[in-house]
Protein backbone atom coordinates (compact mmCIF):
# COMPACT_ATOMS: atom_id res chain seq x y z
CA MET A 1 -11.92 43.01 -76.65
CA THR A 2 -10.31 41.31 -79.65
CA THR A 3 -6.69 41.31 -80.69
CA MET A 4 -5.71 42.04 -84.26
CA SER A 5 -2.42 41.15 -85.98
CA GLY A 6 0.51 42.90 -84.37
CA ASP A 7 -1.23 43.16 -80.97
CA LYS A 8 -3.32 46.10 -82.16
CA LYS A 9 -6.36 46.19 -79.90
CA GLU A 10 -9.82 47.15 -80.91
CA GLN A 11 -12.63 48.20 -78.60
CA GLY A 12 -15.95 48.21 -80.42
CA GLN A 13 -15.65 49.79 -83.84
CA PRO A 14 -12.36 51.55 -84.64
CA ALA A 15 -12.44 55.17 -85.76
CA GLU A 16 -12.72 55.56 -89.54
CA ASN A 17 -9.06 56.65 -89.89
CA GLU A 18 -7.93 53.59 -87.90
CA MET A 19 -9.73 50.99 -90.03
CA SER A 20 -7.30 48.82 -91.97
CA LYS A 21 -8.61 48.92 -95.51
CA TYR A 22 -5.90 49.65 -98.08
CA THR A 23 -3.82 46.94 -99.72
CA MET A 24 -0.14 47.46 -100.49
CA GLY A 25 -0.95 48.42 -104.10
CA VAL A 26 -3.42 51.06 -102.99
CA ALA A 27 -0.99 52.32 -100.31
CA VAL A 28 1.68 52.75 -103.00
CA ARG A 29 -0.73 54.76 -105.18
CA LEU A 30 -1.94 56.92 -102.27
CA THR A 31 1.52 57.70 -100.92
CA GLY A 32 3.77 57.60 -103.95
CA VAL A 33 6.14 55.46 -101.87
CA GLU A 34 7.41 52.26 -103.49
CA ALA A 35 6.33 48.93 -101.99
CA HIS A 36 9.90 47.89 -101.16
CA ARG A 37 10.32 51.05 -99.07
CA ILE A 38 7.05 50.46 -97.23
CA ARG A 39 8.15 46.88 -96.47
CA ARG A 40 11.49 48.23 -95.21
CA PHE A 41 9.63 50.63 -92.89
CA GLU A 42 7.77 47.62 -91.52
CA GLU A 43 10.97 45.58 -91.16
CA ASN A 44 12.40 48.45 -89.08
CA SER A 45 9.35 48.45 -86.76
CA LEU A 46 8.08 51.83 -87.97
CA LEU A 47 4.79 50.31 -89.17
CA GLU A 48 2.78 47.30 -88.20
CA PRO A 49 -0.10 46.89 -90.63
CA ALA A 50 -2.98 44.54 -90.00
CA ARG A 51 -2.98 41.36 -92.05
CA THR A 52 -5.72 39.33 -93.62
CA ASP A 53 -6.01 35.61 -92.95
CA THR A 54 -3.89 35.05 -96.06
CA GLY A 55 -1.17 37.48 -94.90
CA GLN A 56 -2.01 40.43 -97.12
CA ARG A 57 -1.09 43.74 -95.52
CA LEU A 58 -3.88 46.25 -94.89
CA TYR A 59 -3.19 49.89 -94.04
CA SER A 60 -5.40 52.48 -92.33
CA ASP A 61 -5.63 56.18 -93.18
CA THR A 62 -3.41 56.88 -90.16
CA GLU A 63 -0.79 54.44 -91.47
CA ILE A 64 -0.98 56.01 -94.94
CA GLU A 65 -0.11 59.37 -93.36
CA LEU A 66 2.66 57.71 -91.34
CA ILE A 67 4.14 56.21 -94.52
CA ARG A 68 4.16 59.67 -96.11
CA GLU A 69 5.86 61.18 -93.05
CA ILE A 70 8.49 58.44 -92.79
CA ALA A 71 9.27 58.84 -96.51
CA ARG A 72 9.53 62.66 -96.14
CA LEU A 73 11.98 62.32 -93.27
CA GLU A 74 14.00 59.67 -95.09
CA ASP A 75 14.06 61.83 -98.24
CA GLN A 76 15.56 64.61 -96.09
CA GLY A 77 18.49 62.31 -95.34
CA ILE A 78 17.41 60.94 -91.97
CA ASN A 79 18.11 57.23 -91.57
CA LEU A 80 15.40 54.93 -90.28
CA GLU A 81 16.82 54.81 -86.75
CA GLY A 82 16.67 58.61 -86.73
CA VAL A 83 13.12 58.51 -88.07
CA LYS A 84 12.19 56.08 -85.30
CA ALA A 85 13.63 58.47 -82.69
CA ILE A 86 11.82 61.49 -84.17
CA LEU A 87 8.49 59.67 -84.23
CA ALA A 88 8.97 58.47 -80.64
CA MET A 89 9.73 62.00 -79.47
CA ARG A 90 6.63 63.31 -81.24
CA ARG A 91 4.57 60.73 -79.36
CA GLY A 92 6.20 61.85 -76.11
CA GLU A 93 8.06 58.57 -75.62
CA THR A 94 11.53 58.36 -74.19
CA ILE A 95 14.13 56.83 -76.44
C-alpha cells in the first residue's frame, strides 16, 4: 500500500474515475469554475487533490464532479461551511 499526497491511499490500480490526471487549467475548462474558487474549496478542506513532485495539483474525474457540485451549491447561496455540512450528510457522516 502506498500513500499519496493528502493521505489518499491506493490499493493496486485506482478506478479510472479516481485517477488524478487533470491539471488546474484543465479542471477550470471542464468545470467552468475559476481557479481561485477551486483553490478556495481546497483551502476550506472540501477538496484535497493529489500533487506532483513539483506541487502541481492533479484532479480526478470524481473531484471534477465534486468541484461542479460545490460550485452549484455555492451559487445557490450556501456558504462553504454549509456546503461542507451538506456533503458530509450525503456521505452519511455526522457533523
